Amino acid sequence: MTASLFPDLIVNGEVVPHTLVAAEVQNHAAPSGKPGIAWRKAANAVAVRTLLLQEARRRGLVAHPAEVGPGRFETEEEALIRDLLDQTVNVDPPGDEAIRAEWSRDPTRFRTPPLWEVSHILMACDPRDPEAKSAALARAVAVQEELRDRPGDFARLAARHSDCGSRMAGGALGQLGPGDTVPEFEAALRGLAERETTSAPVLTRHGYHIIRMDALALGAELPFETVQPRIATALEKAAWSCAARDFISNLVAGAKVTGAELGAM
């Protein structure tokens, strides 16, 4: 991406180097062949960061980088922004009435984790290899068609076709819970009823899977007293995020910015 194709980012008279926006671009998705969208998103993010840093320095704040991991510390800019938000964004902890109201909206949301007993047939491939991906999909579709005619042959077909070691057990993976498998596989599990098989092959980073839900145990509903601290934390975080957005919106409203599109904030 050629930075010179895009306008200079100027925040309250401060010209932001193109290199800062270019470094930020990698953090923003955009359709293939449309780098301008990623650049605009990056420019917006850098503009907001610049406004926050300007405000922190206007207030005379001094950076005290905190340790964020073993041997890893914040940058001075990260520390300044954190300190600024700590000083300016304050919310009250939610009261018992608000917490109970949130729980009462749908108590069934708060459950122990589900348990899935699962079998699968894997056609392994590297999804980044178009040829291998196409061949694996063709194999998976062929097996899926056989299953539609003879659903009782799942274990036999797994033993014959699967590229997973579970083929020795008819494709059985045993009991799984949230986080036990890759997100793509888990997403498919969450959409299956007991004894249901996926209607089309499911692509994960390992290849194409045909998945059968052998047994399903939904998590038990948790009582209010158990989830009260979790709800309180979630409500406080949501309130803090809203207050932080309001603070940033006020900075934007009082700023002069060119080269970014912050009007909707």
C-alpha atoms as a PDB file:
ATOM      1  CA  MET A   1       0.000   0.000   0.000  1.00  0.00           C
ATOM      2  CA  THR A   2       1.438   3.386  -0.997  1.00  0.00           C
ATOM      3  CA  ALA A   3       0.977   5.870   1.839  1.00  0.00           C
ATOM      4  CA  SER A   4       1.301   8.843  -0.513  1.00  0.00           C
ATOM      5  CA  LEU A   5      -2.063   7.913  -2.050  1.00  0.00           C
ATOM      6  CA  PHE A   6      -3.807   8.891   1.184  1.00  0.00           C
ATOM      7  CA  PRO A   7      -4.185  12.336   2.782  1.00  0.00           C
ATOM      8  CA  ASP A   8      -2.055  13.428   5.708  1.00  0.00           C
ATOM      9  CA  LEU A   9      -3.563  12.772   9.123  1.00  0.00           C
ATOM     10  CA  ILE A  10      -3.545  16.007  11.103  1.00  0.00           C
ATOM     11  CA  VAL A  11      -4.937  16.106  14.652  1.00  0.00           C
ATOM     12  CA  ASN A  12      -5.260  19.544  16.263  1.00  0.00           C
ATOM     13  CA  GLY A  13      -2.397  20.772  14.118  1.00  0.00           C
ATOM     14  CA  GLU A  14      -0.169  17.759  14.828  1.00  0.00           C
ATOM     15  CA  VAL A  15       0.860  15.981  11.628  1.00  0.00           C
ATOM     16  CA  VAL A  16       0.852  12.227  12.263  1.00  0.00           C
ATOM     17  CA  PRO A  17       3.556  10.336  10.323  1.00  0.00           C
ATOM     18  CA  HIS A  18       2.205   8.067   7.585  1.00  0.00           C
ATOM     19  CA  THR A  19       4.340   5.297   9.055  1.00  0.00           C
ATOM     20  CA  LEU A  20       2.154   5.176  12.179  1.00  0.00           C
ATOM     21  CA  VAL A  21      -0.990   4.710  10.108  1.00  0.00           C
ATOM     22  CA  ALA A  22       0.726   2.131   7.893  1.00  0.00           C
ATOM     23  CA  ALA A  23       1.770   0.133  10.958  1.00  0.00           C
ATOM     24  CA  GLU A  24      -1.833   0.182  12.222  1.00  0.00           C
ATOM     25  CA  VAL A  25      -3.304  -1.077   8.915  1.00  0.00           C
ATOM     26  CA  GLN A  26      -2.471  -4.713   9.728  1.00  0.00           C
ATOM     27  CA  ASN A  27      -4.994  -4.603  12.596  1.00  0.00           C
ATOM     28  CA  HIS A  28      -7.956  -3.776  10.346  1.00  0.00           C
ATOM     29  CA  ALA A  29      -9.715  -6.081   7.915  1.00  0.00           C
ATOM     30  CA  ALA A  30     -10.836  -4.961   4.474  1.00  0.00           C
ATOM     31  CA  PRO A  31     -12.112  -6.657   1.300  1.00  0.00           C
ATOM     32  CA  SER A  32      -9.436  -7.940  -1.042  1.00  0.00           C
ATOM     33  CA  GLY A  33      -8.300  -5.289  -3.481  1.00  0.00           C
ATOM     34  CA  LYS A  34      -9.646  -2.402  -1.380  1.00  0.00           C
ATOM     35  CA  PRO A  35      -6.701  -1.241   0.727  1.00  0.00           C
ATOM     36  CA  GLY A  36      -8.259   2.188   1.115  1.00  0.00           C
ATOM     37  CA  ILE A  37     -10.840   0.787   3.541  1.00  0.00           C
ATOM     38  CA  ALA A  38      -8.153  -0.649   5.819  1.00  0.00           C
ATOM     39  CA  TRP A  39      -6.219   2.619   5.637  1.00  0.00           C
ATOM     40  CA  ARG A  40      -9.267   4.676   6.641  1.00  0.00           C
ATOM     41  CA  LYS A  41      -9.974   2.374   9.588  1.00  0.00           C
ATOM     42  CA  ALA A  42      -6.340   2.626  10.647  1.00  0.00           C
ATOM     43  CA  ALA A  43      -6.353   6.413  10.291  1.00  0.00           C
ATOM     44  CA  ASN A  44      -9.431   6.619  12.510  1.00  0.00           C
ATOM     45  CA  ALA A  45      -7.788   4.443  15.183  1.00  0.00           C
ATOM     46  CA  VAL A  46      -4.541   6.438  15.100  1.00  0.00           C
ATOM     47  CA  ALA A  47      -6.467   9.713  15.232  1.00  0.00           C
ATOM     48  CA  VAL A  48      -8.297   8.609  18.382  1.00  0.00           C
ATOM     49  CA  ARG A  49      -5.050   7.435  19.958  1.00  0.00           C
ATOM     50  CA  THR A  50      -3.440  10.780  19.120  1.00  0.00           C
ATOM     51  CA  LEU A  51      -6.323  12.676  20.695  1.00  0.00           C
ATOM     52  CA  LEU A  52      -6.000  10.626  23.878  1.00  0.00           C
ATOM     53  CA  LEU A  53      -2.255  11.197  24.045  1.00  0.00           C
ATOM     54  CA  GLN A  54      -2.703  14.929  23.464  1.00  0.00           C
ATOM     55  CA  GLU A  55      -5.225  15.076  26.302  1.00  0.00           C
ATOM     56  CA  ALA A  56      -2.974  13.071  28.620  1.00  0.00           C
ATOM     57  CA  ARG A  57      -0.068  15.430  27.960  1.00  0.00           C
ATOM     58  CA  ARG A  58      -2.311  18.485  28.328  1.00  0.00           C
ATOM     59  CA  ARG A  59      -3.146  17.244  31.809  1.00  0.00           C
ATOM     60  CA  GLY A  60       0.538  16.759  32.590  1.00  0.00           C
ATOM     61  CA  LEU A  61       0.287  13.004  33.104  1.00  0.00           C
ATOM     62  CA  VAL A  62       3.525  11.042  33.399  1.00  0.00           C
ATOM     63  CA  ALA A  63       3.785   7.501  32.014  1.00  0.00           C
ATOM     64  CA  HIS A  64       4.385   4.674  34.465  1.00  0.00           C
ATOM     65  CA  PRO A  65       4.350   1.527  32.303  1.00  0.00           C
ATOM     66  CA  ALA A  66       2.824  -1.464  34.086  1.00  0.00           C
ATOM     67  CA  GLU A  67       3.941  -5.048  33.668  1.00  0.00           C
ATOM     68  CA  VAL A  68       1.427  -6.870  31.463  1.00  0.00           C
ATOM     69  CA  GLY A  69       3.180 -10.240  31.438  1.00  0.00           C
ATOM     70  CA  PRO A  70       6.400 -11.869  32.582  1.00  0.00           C
ATOM     71  CA  GLY A  71       9.083  -9.415  31.503  1.00  0.00           C
ATOM     72  CA  ARG A  72       6.632  -7.473  29.273  1.00  0.00           C
ATOM     73  CA  PHE A  73       5.663  -3.878  29.960  1.00  0.00           C
ATOM     74  CA  GLU A  74       3.312  -1.357  28.443  1.00  0.00           C
ATOM     75  CA  THR A  75       4.732   1.237  26.116  1.00  0.00           C
ATOM     76  CA  GLU A  76       4.807   4.789  27.451  1.00  0.00           C
ATOM     77  CA  GLU A  77       1.911   5.700  25.174  1.00  0.00           C
ATOM     78  CA  GLU A  78      -0.178   2.755  26.415  1.00  0.00           C
ATOM     79  CA  ALA A  79       0.552   3.757  30.011  1.00  0.00           C
ATOM     80  CA  LEU A  80      -0.451   7.378  29.366  1.00  0.00           C
ATOM     81  CA  ILE A  81      -3.755   6.364  27.772  1.00  0.00           C
ATOM     82  CA  ARG A  82      -4.512   3.894  30.577  1.00  0.00           C
ATOM     83  CA  ASP A  83      -3.774   6.536  33.211  1.00  0.00           C
ATOM     84  CA  LEU A  84      -5.921   9.099  31.399  1.00  0.00           C
ATOM     85  CA  LEU A  85      -8.902   6.751  31.199  1.00  0.00           C
ATOM     86  CA  ASP A  86      -8.418   5.652  34.805  1.00  0.00           C
ATOM     87  CA  GLN A  87      -8.636   9.286  35.896  1.00  0.00           C
ATOM     88  CA  THR A  88     -11.483  10.412  33.668  1.00  0.00           C
ATOM     89  CA  VAL A  89     -13.763   7.400  33.210  1.00  0.00           C
ATOM     90  CA  ASN A  90     -15.504   6.345  36.395  1.00  0.00           C
ATOM     91  CA  VAL A  91     -18.650   4.300  36.833  1.00  0.00           C
ATOM     92  CA  ASP A  92     -20.515   3.162  39.911  1.00  0.00           C
ATOM     93  CA  PRO A  93     -20.813  -0.581  40.566  1.00  0.00           C
ATOM     94  CA  PRO A  94     -24.249  -1.878  39.538  1.00  0.00           C
ATOM     95  CA  GLY A  95     -26.818  -2.175  42.289  1.00  0.00           C
ATOM     96  CA  ASP A  96     -28.586  -5.381  43.277  1.00  0.00           C
ATOM     97  CA  GLU A  97     -31.747  -4.284  41.454  1.00  0.00           C
ATOM     98  CA  ALA A  98     -29.886  -3.826  38.152  1.00  0.00           C
ATOM     99  CA  ILE A  99     -28.091  -7.138  38.534  1.00  0.00           C
ATOM    100  CA  ARG A 100     -31.294  -9.036  39.234  1.00  0.00           C
ATOM    101  CA  ALA A 101     -33.056  -7.304  36.334  1.00  0.00           C
ATOM    102  CA  GLU A 102     -30.305  -8.432  33.969  1.00  0.00           C
ATOM    103  CA  TRP A 103     -30.550 -11.999  35.280  1.00  0.00           C
ATOM    104  CA  SER A 104     -34.356 -11.952  35.014  1.00  0.00           C
ATOM    105  CA  ARG A 105     -34.243 -11.060  31.302  1.00  0.00           C
ATOM    106  CA  ASP A 106     -33.337 -14.687  30.563  1.00  0.00           C
ATOM    107  CA  PRO A 107     -32.092 -16.866  33.433  1.00  0.00           C
ATOM    108  CA  THR A 108     -31.501 -19.743  31.000  1.00  0.00           C
ATOM    109  CA  ARG A 109     -28.422 -17.898  29.669  1.00  0.00           C
ATOM    110  CA  PHE A 110     -26.552 -18.844  32.809  1.00  0.00           C
ATOM    111  CA  ARG A 111     -25.761 -22.536  32.787  1.00  0.00           C
ATOM    112  CA  THR A 112     -22.992 -24.961  33.508  1.00  0.00           C
ATOM    113  CA  PRO A 113     -21.095 -25.883  30.314  1.00  0.00           C
ATOM    114  CA  PRO A 114     -22.799 -28.376  27.952  1.00  0.00           C
ATOM    115  CA  LEU A 115     -21.329 -31.801  27.309  1.00  0.00           C
ATOM    116  CA  TRP A 116     -21.231 -33.263  23.816  1.00  0.00           C
ATOM    117  CA  GLU A 117     -20.576 -36.879  22.839  1.00  0.00           C
ATOM    118  CA  VAL A 118     -19.357 -36.689  19.265  1.00  0.00           C
ATOM    119  CA  SER A 119     -18.209 -38.767  16.310  1.00  0.00           C
ATOM    120  CA  HIS A 120     -16.690 -37.441  13.112  1.00  0.00           C
ATOM    121  CA  ILE A 121     -15.127 -38.350   9.797  1.00  0.00           C
ATOM    122  CA  LEU A 122     -12.186 -36.155   8.811  1.00  0.00           C
ATOM    123  CA  MET A 123     -10.903 -35.483   5.333  1.00  0.00           C
ATOM    124  CA  ALA A 124      -7.623 -33.828   6.257  1.00  0.00           C
ATOM    125  CA  CYS A 125      -6.159 -30.959   4.238  1.00  0.00           C
ATOM    126  CA  ASP A 126      -4.453 -27.621   4.599  1.00  0.00           C
ATOM    127  CA  PRO A 127      -7.239 -25.094   3.873  1.00  0.00           C
ATOM    128  CA  ARG A 128      -4.584 -22.730   2.495  1.00  0.00           C
ATOM    129  CA  ASP A 129      -3.826 -25.195  -0.317  1.00  0.00           C
ATOM    130  CA  PRO A 130      -6.632 -24.793  -2.908  1.00  0.00           C
ATOM    131  CA  GLU A 131      -5.919 -28.103  -4.632  1.00  0.00           C
ATOM    132  CA  ALA A 132      -5.804 -30.122  -1.418  1.00  0.00           C
ATOM    133  CA  LYS A 133      -8.873 -28.305  -0.098  1.00  0.00           C
ATOM    134  CA  SER A 134     -10.866 -29.090  -3.233  1.00  0.00           C
ATOM    135  CA  ALA A 135      -9.864 -32.774  -3.150  1.00  0.00           C
ATOM    136  CA  ALA A 136     -10.776 -33.093   0.538  1.00  0.00           C
ATOM    137  CA  LEU A 137     -14.163 -31.474  -0.039  1.00  0.00           C
ATOM    138  CA  ALA A 138     -14.916 -33.842  -2.914  1.00  0.00           C
ATOM    139  CA  ARG A 139     -14.120 -36.837  -0.677  1.00  0.00           C
ATOM    140  CA  ALA A 140     -16.255 -35.437   2.129  1.00  0.00           C
ATOM    141  CA  VAL A 141     -19.233 -34.792  -0.142  1.00  0.00           C
ATOM    142  CA  ALA A 142     -19.034 -38.338  -1.513  1.00  0.00           C
ATOM    143  CA  VAL A 143     -19.055 -39.820   2.000  1.00  0.00           C
ATOM    144  CA  GLN A 144     -21.869 -37.468   3.044  1.00  0.00           C
ATOM    145  CA  GLU A 145     -23.976 -38.777   0.160  1.00  0.00           C
ATOM    146  CA  GLU A 146     -23.336 -42.361   1.252  1.00  0.00           C
ATOM    147  CA  LEU A 147     -24.469 -41.452   4.752  1.00  0.00           C
ATOM    148  CA  ARG A 148     -27.724 -40.008   3.499  1.00  0.00           C
ATOM    149  CA  ASP A 149     -28.572 -43.385   1.997  1.00  0.00           C
ATOM    150  CA  ARG A 150     -27.186 -45.450   4.902  1.00  0.00           C
ATOM    151  CA  PRO A 151     -26.962 -43.325   8.076  1.00  0.00           C
ATOM    152  CA  GLY A 152     -26.311 -46.436  10.143  1.00  0.00           C
ATOM    153  CA  ASP A 153     -22.978 -46.925   8.352  1.00  0.00           C
ATOM    154  CA  PHE A 154     -21.273 -43.959  10.036  1.00  0.00           C
ATOM    155  CA  ALA A 155     -18.765 -46.073  11.990  1.00  0.00           C
ATOM    156  CA  ARG A 156     -17.933 -48.201   8.947  1.00  0.00           C
ATOM    157  CA  LEU A 157     -17.421 -45.162   6.746  1.00  0.00           C
ATOM    158  CA  ALA A 158     -15.286 -43.496   9.419  1.00  0.00           C
ATOM    159  CA  ALA A 159     -13.082 -46.583   9.650  1.00  0.00           C
ATOM    160  CA  ARG A 160     -12.668 -46.645   5.882  1.00  0.00           C
ATOM    161  CA  HIS A 161     -12.318 -42.950   5.023  1.00  0.00           C
ATOM    162  CA  SER A 162     -11.392 -40.821   8.047  1.00  0.00           C
ATOM    163  CA  ASP A 163      -7.906 -39.339   8.339  1.00  0.00           C
ATOM    164  CA  CYS A 164      -8.243 -39.048  12.116  1.00  0.00           C
ATOM    165  CA  GLY A 165      -6.981 -41.667  14.552  1.00  0.00           C
ATOM    166  CA  SER A 166     -10.544 -41.898  15.862  1.00  0.00           C
ATOM    167  CA  ARG A 167     -11.353 -44.022  12.796  1.00  0.00           C
ATOM    168  CA  MET A 168     -10.224 -47.012  14.881  1.00  0.00           C
ATOM    169  CA  ALA A 169     -13.211 -46.293  17.150  1.00  0.00           C
ATOM    170  CA  GLY A 170     -15.689 -45.652  14.348  1.00  0.00           C
ATOM    171  CA  GLY A 171     -14.990 -41.928  14.446  1.00  0.00           C
ATOM    172  CA  ALA A 172     -15.912 -41.561  18.130  1.00  0.00           C
ATOM    173  CA  LEU A 173     -14.206 -38.640  19.862  1.00  0.00           C
ATOM    174  CA  GLY A 174     -15.837 -39.246  23.224  1.00  0.00           C
ATOM    175  CA  GLN A 175     -17.143 -36.447  25.393  1.00  0.00           C
ATOM    176  CA  LEU A 176     -16.235 -32.844  24.591  1.00  0.00           C
ATOM    177  CA  GLY A 177     -16.957 -29.566  26.292  1.00  0.00           C
ATOM    178  CA  PRO A 178     -16.510 -25.906  25.346  1.00  0.00           C
ATOM    179  CA  GLY A 179     -12.885 -25.166  24.502  1.00  0.00           C
ATOM    180  CA  ASP A 180     -11.941 -28.803  23.923  1.00  0.00           C
ATOM    181  CA  THR A 181     -11.777 -28.423  20.146  1.00  0.00           C
ATOM    182  CA  VAL A 182     -11.107 -25.710  17.566  1.00  0.00           C
ATOM    183  CA  PRO A 183     -13.694 -22.879  17.369  1.00  0.00           C
ATOM    184  CA  GLU A 184     -14.930 -23.875  13.907  1.00  0.00           C
ATOM    185  CA  PHE A 185     -15.695 -27.411  15.092  1.00  0.00           C
ATOM    186  CA  GLU A 186     -17.314 -26.183  18.307  1.00  0.00           C
ATOM    187  CA  ALA A 187     -19.547 -23.783  16.377  1.00  0.00           C
ATOM    188  CA  ALA A 188     -20.900 -26.742  14.391  1.00  0.00           C
ATOM    189  CA  LEU A 189     -21.516 -28.719  17.587  1.00  0.00           C
ATOM    190  CA  ARG A 190     -23.591 -25.897  19.047  1.00  0.00           C
ATOM    191  CA  GLY A 191     -25.967 -26.134  16.099  1.00  0.00           C
ATOM    192  CA  LEU A 192     -26.595 -29.888  16.301  1.00  0.00           C
ATOM    193  CA  ALA A 193     -29.367 -31.738  18.076  1.00  0.00           C
ATOM    194  CA  GLU A 194     -28.862 -35.175  19.603  1.00  0.00           C
ATOM    195  CA  ARG A 195     -28.349 -37.911  16.953  1.00  0.00           C
ATOM    196  CA  GLU A 196     -28.129 -35.255  14.226  1.00  0.00           C
ATOM    197  CA  THR A 197     -25.358 -35.239  11.607  1.00  0.00           C
ATOM    198  CA  THR A 198     -24.116 -32.089   9.899  1.00  0.00           C
ATOM    199  CA  SER A 199     -25.927 -31.565   6.598  1.00  0.00           C
ATOM    200  CA  ALA A 200     -22.727 -30.510   4.809  1.00  0.00           C
ATOM    201  CA  PRO A 201     -18.999 -30.955   5.487  1.00  0.00           C
ATOM    202  CA  VAL A 202     -17.622 -28.517   8.063  1.00  0.00           C
ATOM    203  CA  LEU A 203     -14.300 -26.834   7.273  1.00  0.00           C
ATOM    204  CA  THR A 204     -11.785 -26.287  10.069  1.00  0.00           C
ATOM    205  CA  ARG A 205      -8.048 -25.670  10.073  1.00  0.00           C
ATOM    206  CA  HIS A 206      -7.637 -29.461   9.993  1.00  0.00           C
ATOM    207  CA  GLY A 207      -9.779 -30.144   6.948  1.00  0.00           C
ATOM    208  CA  TYR A 208     -13.397 -31.134   6.273  1.00  0.00           C
ATOM    209  CA  HIS A 209     -15.437 -32.931   8.932  1.00  0.00           C
ATOM    210  CA  ILE A 210     -18.692 -34.826   8.880  1.00  0.00           C
ATOM    211  CA  ILE A 211     -19.913 -34.551  12.463  1.00  0.00           C
ATOM    212  CA  ARG A 212     -22.530 -36.564  14.342  1.00  0.00           C
ATOM    213  CA  MET A 213     -23.901 -35.590  17.743  1.00  0.00           C
ATOM    214  CA  ASP A 214     -24.186 -38.942  19.519  1.00  0.00           C
ATOM    215  CA  ALA A 215     -25.440 -37.548  22.831  1.00  0.00           C
ATOM    216  CA  LEU A 216     -26.053 -34.080  24.233  1.00  0.00           C
ATOM    217  CA  ALA A 217     -26.233 -32.920  27.845  1.00  0.00           C
ATOM    218  CA  LEU A 218     -27.260 -29.288  28.190  1.00  0.00           C
ATOM    219  CA  GLY A 219     -25.734 -27.490  31.143  1.00  0.00           C
ATOM    220  CA  ALA A 220     -27.835 -27.044  34.246  1.00  0.00           C
ATOM    221  CA  GLU A 221     -29.346 -23.626  34.903  1.00  0.00           C
ATOM    222  CA  LEU A 222     -27.419 -21.778  37.612  1.00  0.00           C
ATOM    223  CA  PRO A 223     -29.140 -20.001  40.526  1.00  0.00           C
ATOM    224  CA  PHE A 224     -29.009 -16.224  40.777  1.00  0.00           C
ATOM    225  CA  GLU A 225     -26.661 -16.253  43.771  1.00  0.00           C
ATOM    226  CA  THR A 226     -24.063 -18.201  41.804  1.00  0.00           C
ATOM    227  CA  VAL A 227     -24.011 -15.896  38.776  1.00  0.00           C
ATOM    228  CA  GLN A 228     -24.533 -12.597  40.604  1.00  0.00           C
ATOM    229  CA  PRO A 229     -20.788 -11.687  40.700  1.00  0.00           C
ATOM    230  CA  ARG A 230     -20.376 -12.563  37.009  1.00  0.00           C
ATOM    231  CA  ILE A 231     -23.339 -10.382  36.017  1.00  0.00           C
ATOM    232  CA  ALA A 232     -22.092  -7.510  38.179  1.00  0.00           C
ATOM    233  CA  THR A 233     -18.684  -7.619  36.492  1.00  0.00           C
ATOM    234  CA  ALA A 234     -20.220  -7.717  33.017  1.00  0.00           C
ATOM    235  CA  LEU A 235     -22.530  -4.769  33.735  1.00  0.00           C
ATOM    236  CA  GLU A 236     -19.683  -2.701  35.179  1.00  0.00           C
ATOM    237  CA  LYS A 237     -17.487  -3.412  32.154  1.00  0.00           C
ATOM    238  CA  ALA A 238     -20.310  -2.451  29.798  1.00  0.00           C
ATOM    239  CA  ALA A 239     -20.923   0.787  31.692  1.00  0.00           C
ATOM    240  CA  TRP A 240     -17.201   1.600  31.662  1.00  0.00           C
ATOM    241  CA  SER A 241     -16.997   1.007  27.898  1.00  0.00           C
ATOM    242  CA  CYS A 242     -19.978   3.291  27.321  1.00  0.00           C
ATOM    243  CA  ALA A 243     -18.466   6.022  29.496  1.00  0.00           C
ATOM    244  CA  ALA A 244     -15.117   5.685  27.701  1.00  0.00           C
ATOM    245  CA  ARG A 245     -16.854   6.076  24.323  1.00  0.00           C
ATOM    246  CA  ASP A 246     -18.603   9.205  25.599  1.00  0.00           C
ATOM    247  CA  PHE A 247     -15.284  10.646  26.783  1.00  0.00           C
ATOM    248  CA  ILE A 248     -13.668   9.983  23.403  1.00  0.00           C
ATOM    249  CA  SER A 249     -16.690  11.437  21.584  1.00  0.00           C
ATOM    250  CA  ASN A 250     -16.279  14.645  23.576  1.00  0.00           C
ATOM    251  CA  LEU A 251     -12.611  14.827  22.605  1.00  0.00           C
ATOM    252  CA  VAL A 252     -13.537  14.303  18.961  1.00  0.00           C
ATOM    253  CA  ALA A 253     -16.254  16.961  19.124  1.00  0.00           C
ATOM    254  CA  GLY A 254     -13.751  19.552  20.328  1.00  0.00           C
ATOM    255  CA  ALA A 255     -10.951  18.558  17.952  1.00  0.00           C
ATOM    256  CA  LYS A 256      -9.930  19.572  14.476  1.00  0.00           C
ATOM    257  CA  VAL A 257      -9.017  16.450  12.523  1.00  0.00           C
ATOM    258  CA  THR A 258      -8.283  15.988   8.833  1.00  0.00           C
ATOM    259  CA  GLY A 259      -7.361  12.753   7.123  1.00  0.00           C
ATOM    260  CA  ALA A 260      -9.745  10.665   9.241  1.00  0.00           C
ATOM    261  CA  GLU A 261     -13.517  10.225   9.506  1.00  0.00           C
ATOM    262  CA  LEU A 262     -14.501  10.545  13.154  1.00  0.00           C
ATOM    263  CA  GLY A 263     -17.822  12.326  12.718  1.00  0.00           C
ATOM    264  CA  ALA A 264     -19.931   9.227  13.581  1.00  0.00           C
ATOM    265  CA  MET A 265     -18.248   8.664  16.959  1.00  0.00           C
END
